[in-house]
Every structure is written in structure tokens, then in C-alpha cells.
């Protein structure tokens, strides 16, 4: 995989990685893991809420 960043994104990544005292690659990979985990948590919360709010409809559709 090749990740293409703008000059501004590269500089922001460099500064953030330097501030955390990690490599740019380590910082980017951690950011991806964090964002993916948030996305999964948001998805799971949405689905749980959807099922709760639409239980009657889902029960009828399942018949």
C-alpha cells in the first residue's frame, strides 16, 4: 500500500510524531488503529440503538 499525503499532511504528521517521540510510520499506524476502533464502536452503538428502537418492526419482518 502506498499512502500519498499532501505537503501539509506530511508536515503535520512529522510534527505530531516528533512530539510523541515516535516514527511517522508508528504514529500513522496508531492513528489508523484508533480511528478504526472508534468507527467500530460507533457502528456497534448505532446497530444496538437501531435494534432497540425497531424491535417491533424487526420482529414482524422476521415472521
Protein backbone atom coordinates (compact mmCIF):
# COMPACT_ATOMS: atom_id res chain seq x y z
CA UNK A 1 0.00 0.00 0.00
CA UNK A 2 1.19 3.48 -0.80
CA UNK A 3 -0.15 6.40 1.18
CA UNK A 4 0.10 9.72 -0.57
CA UNK A 5 -0.02 12.81 1.61
CA UNK A 6 -0.01 16.46 0.78
CA UNK A 7 2.95 18.51 1.94
CA UNK A 8 0.79 19.94 4.71
CA UNK A 9 -0.33 16.48 5.87
CA UNK A 10 3.24 15.22 5.83
CA UNK A 11 4.39 18.17 7.92
CA UNK A 12 1.52 17.70 10.40
CA UNK A 13 2.39 14.01 10.68
CA UNK A 14 6.07 14.79 11.16
CA UNK A 15 5.35 17.31 13.92
CA UNK A 16 2.88 15.01 15.71
CA UNK A 17 5.24 12.03 15.53
CA UNK A 18 8.12 14.14 16.79
CA UNK A 19 6.01 15.40 19.69
CA UNK A 20 5.13 11.80 20.61
CA UNK A 21 8.76 10.73 20.12
CA UNK A 22 7.81 8.01 17.63
CA UNK A 23 8.40 7.50 13.93
CA UNK A 24 5.96 8.91 11.42
CA UNK A 25 5.03 5.35 10.47
CA UNK A 26 4.33 4.38 14.08
CA UNK A 27 2.23 7.50 14.58
CA UNK A 28 0.22 6.92 11.39
CA UNK A 29 -0.41 3.26 12.20
CA UNK A 30 -1.57 4.13 15.72
CA UNK A 31 -3.87 6.82 14.33
CA UNK A 32 -5.38 4.31 11.90
CA UNK A 33 -5.94 1.77 14.67
CA UNK A 34 -7.55 4.41 16.89
CA UNK A 35 -9.85 5.66 14.13
CA UNK A 36 -10.83 2.12 13.12
CA UNK A 37 -11.66 1.27 16.74
CA UNK A 38 -13.82 4.40 17.05
CA UNK A 39 -15.57 3.53 13.79
CA UNK A 40 -16.33 0.02 15.03
CA UNK A 41 -17.62 1.34 18.36
CA UNK A 42 -19.81 3.92 16.58
CA UNK A 43 -21.16 1.23 14.24
CA UNK A 44 -21.91 -1.16 17.10
CA UNK A 45 -23.65 1.58 19.09
CA UNK A 46 -25.74 2.56 16.05
CA UNK A 47 -26.78 -1.03 15.37
CA UNK A 48 -27.65 -1.65 19.02
CA UNK A 49 -29.74 1.52 19.12
CA UNK A 50 -31.41 0.64 15.81
CA UNK A 51 -32.36 -2.83 17.01
CA UNK A 52 -33.72 -1.46 20.28
CA UNK A 53 -35.78 1.27 18.60
CA UNK A 54 -37.07 -1.02 15.85
CA UNK A 55 -37.63 -4.26 17.76
CA UNK A 56 -41.29 -4.47 16.81
CA UNK A 57 -40.60 -3.90 13.14
CA UNK A 58 -37.74 -6.39 13.11
CA UNK A 59 -39.92 -8.98 14.85
CA UNK A 60 -42.65 -8.52 12.23
CA UNK A 61 -40.13 -8.78 9.40
CA UNK A 62 -38.78 -12.00 10.91
CA UNK A 63 -42.15 -13.75 10.76
